[in-house]
Every structure is written in C-alpha cells, then in structure tokens.
PDB file of N, CA and C in Angstrom:
ATOM      1  N   MET A   1      -3.720 -57.364  17.453  1.00  0.00           N
ATOM      2  CA  MET A   1      -2.912 -57.914  18.543  1.00  0.00           C
ATOM      3  C   MET A   1      -3.834 -58.533  19.575  1.00  0.00           C
ATOM      4  N   SER A   2      -3.445 -59.679  20.041  1.00  0.00           N
ATOM      5  CA  SER A   2      -4.226 -60.351  21.071  1.00  0.00           C
ATOM      6  C   SER A   2      -4.197 -59.530  22.355  1.00  0.00           C
ATOM      7  N   ASP A   3      -5.315 -59.530  23.065  1.00  0.00           N
ATOM      8  CA  ASP A   3      -5.371 -58.773  24.314  1.00  0.00           C
ATOM      9  C   ASP A   3      -4.815 -59.569  25.486  1.00  0.00           C
ATOM     10  N   VAL A   4      -4.303 -60.759  25.239  1.00  0.00           N
ATOM     11  CA  VAL A   4      -3.713 -61.584  26.289  1.00  0.00           C
ATOM     12  C   VAL A   4      -2.196 -61.465  26.207  1.00  0.00           C
ATOM     13  N   LEU A   5      -1.579 -61.026  27.304  1.00  0.00           N
ATOM     14  CA  LEU A   5      -0.126 -60.870  27.344  1.00  0.00           C
ATOM     15  C   LEU A   5       0.546 -62.181  27.722  1.00  0.00           C
ATOM     16  N   PRO A   6       1.791 -62.372  27.302  1.00  0.00           N
ATOM     17  CA  PRO A   6       2.525 -63.563  27.724  1.00  0.00           C
ATOM     18  C   PRO A   6       2.707 -63.582  29.236  1.00  0.00           C
ATOM     19  N   PRO A   7       2.814 -64.756  29.829  1.00  0.00           N
ATOM     20  CA  PRO A   7       3.033 -64.847  31.273  1.00  0.00           C
ATOM     21  C   PRO A   7       4.293 -64.101  31.684  1.00  0.00           C
ATOM     22  N   GLY A   8       4.218 -63.360  32.781  1.00  0.00           N
ATOM     23  CA  GLY A   8       5.370 -62.630  33.292  1.00  0.00           C
ATOM     24  C   GLY A   8       5.462 -61.204  32.790  1.00  0.00           C
ATOM     25  N   ILE A   9       4.658 -60.813  31.795  1.00  0.00           N
ATOM     26  CA  ILE A   9       4.657 -59.432  31.295  1.00  0.00           C
ATOM     27  C   ILE A   9       3.374 -58.773  31.763  1.00  0.00           C
ATOM     28  N   ASN A  10       3.520 -57.688  32.531  1.00  0.00           N
ATOM     29  CA  ASN A  10       2.366 -57.043  33.141  1.00  0.00           C
ATOM     30  C   ASN A  10       1.863 -55.834  32.365  1.00  0.00           C
ATOM     31  N   THR A  11       2.689 -55.242  31.529  1.00  0.00           N
ATOM     32  CA  THR A  11       2.291 -54.031  30.820  1.00  0.00           C
ATOM     33  C   THR A  11       2.884 -54.033  29.424  1.00  0.00           C
ATOM     34  N   THR A  12       2.275 -53.301  28.527  1.00  0.00           N
ATOM     35  CA  THR A  12       2.790 -53.216  27.156  1.00  0.00           C
ATOM     36  C   THR A  12       3.391 -51.849  26.872  1.00  0.00           C
ATOM     37  N   SER A  13       3.478 -50.984  27.879  1.00  0.00           N
ATOM     38  CA  SER A  13       3.895 -49.598  27.634  1.00  0.00           C
ATOM     39  C   SER A  13       5.250 -49.446  26.940  1.00  0.00           C
ATOM     40  N   PRO A  14       6.325 -50.194  27.279  1.00  0.00           N
ATOM     41  CA  PRO A  14       7.574 -49.963  26.557  1.00  0.00           C
ATOM     42  C   PRO A  14       7.658 -50.742  25.245  1.00  0.00           C
ATOM     43  N   PHE A  15       6.643 -51.572  24.949  1.00  0.00           N
ATOM     44  CA  PHE A  15       6.709 -52.441  23.784  1.00  0.00           C
ATOM     45  C   PHE A  15       5.836 -51.911  22.661  1.00  0.00           C
ATOM     46  N   LYS A  16       6.228 -52.198  21.427  1.00  0.00           N
ATOM     47  CA  LYS A  16       5.476 -51.790  20.251  1.00  0.00           C
ATOM     48  C   LYS A  16       5.111 -53.046  19.467  1.00  0.00           C
ATOM     49  N   PHE A  17       3.845 -53.199  19.119  1.00  0.00           N
ATOM     50  CA  PHE A  17       3.382 -54.376  18.395  1.00  0.00           C
ATOM     51  C   PHE A  17       3.775 -54.287  16.923  1.00  0.00           C
ATOM     52  N   TYR A  18       4.337 -55.377  16.391  1.00  0.00           N
ATOM     53  CA  TYR A  18       4.702 -55.439  14.974  1.00  0.00           C
ATOM     54  C   TYR A  18       3.945 -56.542  14.247  1.00  0.00           C
ATOM     55  N   ALA A  19       3.947 -57.741  14.771  1.00  0.00           N
ATOM     56  CA  ALA A  19       3.282 -58.861  14.111  1.00  0.00           C
ATOM     57  C   ALA A  19       3.024 -59.958  15.137  1.00  0.00           C
ATOM     58  N   SER A  20       2.117 -60.859  14.806  1.00  0.00           N
ATOM     59  CA  SER A  20       1.861 -61.985  15.698  1.00  0.00           C
ATOM     60  C   SER A  20       1.435 -63.197  14.878  1.00  0.00           C
ATOM     61  N   SER A  21       1.575 -64.347  15.483  1.00  0.00           N
ATOM     62  CA  SER A  21       1.089 -65.584  14.879  1.00  0.00           C
ATOM     63  C   SER A  21       0.866 -66.577  16.002  1.00  0.00           C
ATOM     64  N   GLY A  22       0.127 -67.607  15.734  1.00  0.00           N
ATOM     65  CA  GLY A  22      -0.149 -68.601  16.763  1.00  0.00           C
ATOM     66  C   GLY A  22      -1.095 -68.104  17.834  1.00  0.00           C
ATOM     67  N   ASP A  23      -1.894 -67.075  17.517  1.00  0.00           N
ATOM     68  CA  ASP A  23      -2.810 -66.505  18.508  1.00  0.00           C
ATOM     69  C   ASP A  23      -3.946 -67.450  18.888  1.00  0.00           C
ATOM     70  N   GLU A  24      -4.157 -68.481  18.092  1.00  0.00           N
ATOM     71  CA  GLU A  24      -5.254 -69.401  18.379  1.00  0.00           C
ATOM     72  C   GLU A  24      -4.925 -70.344  19.534  1.00  0.00           C
ATOM     73  N   LYS A  25      -3.679 -70.386  19.978  1.00  0.00           N
ATOM     74  CA  LYS A  25      -3.268 -71.275  21.064  1.00  0.00           C
ATOM     75  C   LYS A  25      -3.138 -70.503  22.373  1.00  0.00           C
ATOM     76  N   GLU A  26      -3.364 -71.207  23.474  1.00  0.00           N
ATOM     77  CA  GLU A  26      -3.207 -70.624  24.803  1.00  0.00           C
ATOM     78  C   GLU A  26      -1.739 -70.629  25.202  1.00  0.00           C
ATOM     79  N   TRP A  27      -1.332 -69.657  26.037  1.00  0.00           N
ATOM     80  CA  TRP A  27       0.018 -69.643  26.588  1.00  0.00           C
ATOM     81  C   TRP A  27       0.163 -70.768  27.591  1.00  0.00           C
ATOM     82  N   LEU A  28       1.357 -71.320  27.698  1.00  0.00           N
ATOM     83  CA  LEU A  28       1.624 -72.312  28.735  1.00  0.00           C
ATOM     84  C   LEU A  28       1.582 -71.627  30.095  1.00  0.00           C
ATOM     85  N   PRO A  29       1.179 -72.321  31.141  1.00  0.00           N
ATOM     86  CA  PRO A  29       1.108 -71.681  32.461  1.00  0.00           C
ATOM     87  C   PRO A  29       2.488 -71.244  32.948  1.00  0.00           C
ATOM     88  N   PHE A  30       2.523 -70.087  33.578  1.00  0.00           N
ATOM     89  CA  PHE A  30       3.753 -69.505  34.114  1.00  0.00           C
ATOM     90  C   PHE A  30       3.734 -69.717  35.616  1.00  0.00           C
ATOM     91  N   THR A  31       4.377 -70.789  36.080  1.00  0.00           N
ATOM     92  CA  THR A  31       4.251 -71.158  37.489  1.00  0.00           C
ATOM     93  C   THR A  31       5.522 -70.962  38.295  1.00  0.00           C
ATOM     94  N   LYS A  32       6.687 -71.084  37.671  1.00  0.00           N
ATOM     95  CA  LYS A  32       7.928 -71.040  38.433  1.00  0.00           C
ATOM     96  C   LYS A  32       8.710 -69.774  38.103  1.00  0.00           C
ATOM     97  N   ILE A  33       9.108 -69.053  39.130  1.00  0.00           N
ATOM     98  CA  ILE A  33       9.947 -67.866  38.972  1.00  0.00           C
ATOM     99  C   ILE A  33      11.268 -68.146  39.670  1.00  0.00           C
ATOM    100  N   LYS A  34      12.361 -67.916  38.973  1.00  0.00           N
ATOM    101  CA  LYS A  34      13.686 -68.135  39.542  1.00  0.00           C
ATOM    102  C   LYS A  34      14.320 -66.765  39.769  1.00  0.00           C
ATOM    103  N   ASP A  35      14.500 -66.381  41.019  1.00  0.00           N
ATOM    104  CA  ASP A  35      15.101 -65.094  41.358  1.00  0.00           C
ATOM    105  C   ASP A  35      16.603 -65.247  41.510  1.00  0.00           C
ATOM    106  N   TYR A  36      17.359 -64.315  40.941  1.00  0.00           N
ATOM    107  CA  TYR A  36      18.809 -64.312  41.112  1.00  0.00           C
ATOM    108  C   TYR A  36      19.327 -62.889  40.982  1.00  0.00           C
ATOM    109  N   THR A  37      20.531 -62.686  41.445  1.00  0.00           N
ATOM    110  CA  THR A  37      21.181 -61.384  41.388  1.00  0.00           C
ATOM    111  C   THR A  37      22.533 -61.550  40.723  1.00  0.00           C
ATOM    112  N   ASN A  38      22.869 -60.662  39.813  1.00  0.00           N
ATOM    113  CA  ASN A  38      24.192 -60.662  39.189  1.00  0.00           C
ATOM    114  C   ASN A  38      25.073 -59.660  39.918  1.00  0.00           C
ATOM    115  N   ALA A  39      26.291 -60.055  40.214  1.00  0.00           N
ATOM    116  CA  ALA A  39      27.267 -59.153  40.832  1.00  0.00           C
ATOM    117  C   ALA A  39      28.379 -58.910  39.818  1.00  0.00           C
ATOM    118  N   PHE A  40      28.578 -57.662  39.423  1.00  0.00           N
ATOM    119  CA  PHE A  40      29.629 -57.311  38.472  1.00  0.00           C
ATOM    120  C   PHE A  40      30.889 -56.934  39.239  1.00  0.00           C
ATOM    121  N   ILE A  41      32.031 -57.394  38.764  1.00  0.00           N
ATOM    122  CA  ILE A  41      33.298 -57.162  39.444  1.00  0.00           C
ATOM    123  C   ILE A  41      33.918 -55.890  38.877  1.00  0.00           C
ATOM    124  N   VAL A  42      33.963 -54.843  39.714  1.00  0.00           N
ATOM    125  CA  VAL A  42      34.475 -53.531  39.308  1.00  0.00           C
ATOM    126  C   VAL A  42      35.564 -53.119  40.283  1.00  0.00           C
ATOM    127  N   GLN A  43      36.688 -52.631  39.755  1.00  0.00           N
ATOM    128  CA  GLN A  43      37.773 -52.143  40.597  1.00  0.00           C
ATOM    129  C   GLN A  43      38.373 -50.919  39.926  1.00  0.00           C
ATOM    130  N   GLU A  44      38.403 -49.819  40.646  1.00  0.00           N
ATOM    131  CA  GLU A  44      38.966 -48.557  40.166  1.00  0.00           C
ATOM    132  C   GLU A  44      38.400 -48.173  38.805  1.00  0.00           C
ATOM    133  N   GLY A  45      37.078 -48.294  38.662  1.00  0.00           N
ATOM    134  CA  GLY A  45      36.413 -47.902  37.425  1.00  0.00           C
ATOM    135  C   GLY A  45      36.582 -48.876  36.276  1.00  0.00           C
ATOM    136  N   LYS A  46      37.204 -50.024  36.514  1.00  0.00           N
ATOM    137  CA  LYS A  46      37.400 -51.023  35.461  1.00  0.00           C
ATOM    138  C   LYS A  46      36.478 -52.211  35.715  1.00  0.00           C
ATOM    139  N   LEU A  47      35.867 -52.714  34.643  1.00  0.00           N
ATOM    140  CA  LEU A  47      34.958 -53.848  34.713  1.00  0.00           C
ATOM    141  C   LEU A  47      35.694 -55.102  34.257  1.00  0.00           C
ATOM    142  N   LEU A  48      35.631 -56.164  35.067  1.00  0.00           N
ATOM    143  CA  LEU A  48      36.320 -57.404  34.736  1.00  0.00           C
ATOM    144  C   LEU A  48      35.637 -58.090  33.558  1.00  0.00           C
ATOM    145  N   LEU A  49      36.408 -58.397  32.511  1.00  0.00           N
ATOM    146  CA  LEU A  49      35.909 -59.116  31.347  1.00  0.00           C
ATOM    147  C   LEU A  49      36.542 -60.494  31.298  1.00  0.00           C
ATOM    148  N   GLY A  50      35.834 -61.445  30.748  1.00  0.00           N
ATOM    149  CA  GLY A  50      36.355 -62.798  30.598  1.00  0.00           C
ATOM    150  C   GLY A  50      36.259 -63.235  29.151  1.00  0.00           C
ATOM    151  N   TYR A  51      37.104 -64.151  28.744  1.00  0.00           N
ATOM    152  CA  TYR A  51      37.119 -64.670  27.377  1.00  0.00           C
ATOM    153  C   TYR A  51      36.193 -65.877  27.296  1.00  0.00           C
ATOM    154  N   LYS A  52      35.181 -65.827  26.408  1.00  0.00           N
ATOM    155  CA  LYS A  52      34.222 -66.925  26.261  1.00  0.00           C
ATOM    156  C   LYS A  52      34.887 -68.105  25.571  1.00  0.00           C
ATOM    157  N   LYS A  53      34.937 -69.264  26.254  1.00  0.00           N
ATOM    158  CA  LYS A  53      35.579 -70.447  25.693  1.00  0.00           C
ATOM    159  C   LYS A  53      34.592 -71.385  25.012  1.00  0.00           C
ATOM    160  N   ARG A  54      33.301 -71.294  25.356  1.00  0.00           N
ATOM    161  CA  ARG A  54      32.314 -72.187  24.750  1.00  0.00           C
ATOM    162  C   ARG A  54      30.940 -71.520  24.770  1.00  0.00           C
ATOM    163  N   GLY A  55      30.007 -72.115  24.031  1.00  0.00           N
ATOM    164  CA  GLY A  55      28.632 -71.635  24.003  1.00  0.00           C
ATOM    165  C   GLY A  55      28.438 -70.443  23.087  1.00  0.00           C
ATOM    166  N   PHE A  56      27.286 -69.785  23.232  1.00  0.00           N
ATOM    167  CA  PHE A  56      26.942 -68.631  22.406  1.00  0.00           C
ATOM    168  C   PHE A  56      27.944 -67.502  22.652  1.00  0.00           C
ATOM    169  N   GLY A  57      28.480 -66.928  21.613  1.00  0.00           N
ATOM    170  CA  GLY A  57      29.475 -65.867  21.745  1.00  0.00           C
ATOM    171  C   GLY A  57      30.875 -66.384  21.984  1.00  0.00           C
ATOM    172  N   GLN A  58      31.128 -67.630  21.631  1.00  0.00           N
ATOM    173  CA  GLN A  58      32.448 -68.232  21.839  1.00  0.00           C
ATOM    174  C   GLN A  58      33.522 -67.400  21.152  1.00  0.00           C
ATOM    175  N   GLY A  59      34.642 -67.184  21.845  1.00  0.00           N
ATOM    176  CA  GLY A  59      35.757 -66.427  21.291  1.00  0.00           C
ATOM    177  C   GLY A  59      35.634 -64.928  21.472  1.00  0.00           C
ATOM    178  N   LYS A  60      34.603 -64.467  22.161  1.00  0.00           N
ATOM    179  CA  LYS A  60      34.382 -63.036  22.394  1.00  0.00           C
ATOM    180  C   LYS A  60      34.676 -62.697  23.851  1.00  0.00           C
ATOM    181  N   LEU A  61      34.858 -61.408  24.115  1.00  0.00           N
ATOM    182  CA  LEU A  61      34.989 -60.953  25.496  1.00  0.00           C
ATOM    183  C   LEU A  61      33.600 -60.749  26.070  1.00  0.00           C
ATOM    184  N   ALA A  62      33.412 -61.127  27.321  1.00  0.00           N
ATOM    185  CA  ALA A  62      32.119 -60.997  27.980  1.00  0.00           C
ATOM    186  C   ALA A  62      32.328 -60.477  29.391  1.00  0.00           C
ATOM    187  N   VAL A  63      31.307 -59.827  29.927  1.00  0.00           N
ATOM    188  CA  VAL A  63      31.360 -59.342  31.303  1.00  0.00           C
ATOM    189  C   VAL A  63      31.325 -60.543  32.230  1.00  0.00           C
ATOM    190  N   SER A  64      32.260 -60.610  33.156  1.00  0.00           N
ATOM    191  CA  SER A  64      32.282 -61.687  34.146  1.00  0.00           C
ATOM    192  C   SER A  64      31.320 -61.337  35.261  1.00  0.00           C
ATOM    193  N   THR A  65      30.475 -62.264  35.612  1.00  0.00           N
ATOM    194  CA  THR A  65      29.523 -62.030  36.695  1.00  0.00           C
ATOM    195  C   THR A  65      29.562 -63.188  37.668  1.00  0.00           C
ATOM    196  N   ILE A  66      29.133 -62.892  38.864  1.00  0.00           N
ATOM    197  CA  ILE A  66      28.911 -63.922  39.867  1.00  0.00           C
ATOM    198  C   ILE A  66      27.403 -63.979  40.029  1.00  0.00           C
ATOM    199  N   ARG A  67      26.829 -65.143  39.888  1.00  0.00           N
ATOM    200  CA  ARG A  67      25.382 -65.255  39.926  1.00  0.00           C
ATOM    201  C   ARG A  67      24.970 -65.924  41.233  1.00  0.00           C
ATOM    202  N   PHE A  68      24.048 -65.284  41.933  1.00  0.00           N
ATOM    203  CA  PHE A  68      23.522 -65.806  43.185  1.00  0.00           C
ATOM    204  C   PHE A  68      22.074 -66.192  42.960  1.00  0.00           C
ATOM    205  N   TRP A  69      21.712 -67.426  43.296  1.00  0.00           N
ATOM    206  CA  TRP A  69      20.336 -67.861  43.163  1.00  0.00           C
ATOM    207  C   TRP A  69      19.677 -67.850  44.534  1.00  0.00           C
ATOM    208  N   PHE A  70      18.447 -67.377  44.568  1.00  0.00           N
ATOM    209  CA  PHE A  70      17.666 -67.353  45.794  1.00  0.00           C
ATOM    210  C   PHE A  70      16.441 -68.224  45.580  1.00  0.00           C
ATOM    211  N   TYR A  71      16.298 -69.252  46.394  1.00  0.00           N
ATOM    212  CA  TYR A  71      15.147 -70.129  46.289  1.00  0.00           C
ATOM    213  C   TYR A  71      14.230 -69.854  47.477  1.00  0.00           C
ATOM    214  N   PRO A  72      12.998 -69.411  47.195  1.00  0.00           N
ATOM    215  CA  PRO A  72      12.077 -69.130  48.304  1.00  0.00           C
ATOM    216  C   PRO A  72      11.730 -70.406  49.065  1.00  0.00           C
ATOM    217  N   ASP A  73      11.525 -70.261  50.347  1.00  0.00           N
ATOM    218  CA  ASP A  73      11.182 -71.424  51.191  1.00  0.00           C
ATOM    219  C   ASP A  73       9.764 -71.870  50.952  1.00  0.00           C
TER     220      ASP A  73
END
C-alpha cells in the first residue's frame, strides 16, 4: 500500500487495505472544500421520506433533506 493518502483523508484507522492500482501517479491537488449541513425533517418520531423521480435511485423512497451551503469569506 502506498504511504500517501488521498487528499482529505487524514488517518487510515477505520479503513482496511485490500488492493491498489495506479500508484505510479500523483493525486490531484485537493484545494476546494465545500461545507454544508443536512437538516432532516422529523416530527413525532417520524422521518419525512420523499419519492425519487429522477437520477440515481429513481422510483425509490429517500430521506428528504434540506441542504444548507456555507461559503467561507
């Protein structure tokens, strides 16, 4: 296993190495971080679900979230 971690990963403690390839290439620089918070809609112990109309998981029930983006000044 390469001793160089991917950008954004600081530790390997919860991860287990299985296989690798492309170790001869450098990682692309990790320069932009996008911070956001998900808000889950819960009322009386019930979680709001929505029906996926398009994209990955189309036709399935999914947790509805409100996403807030924070852009640092």
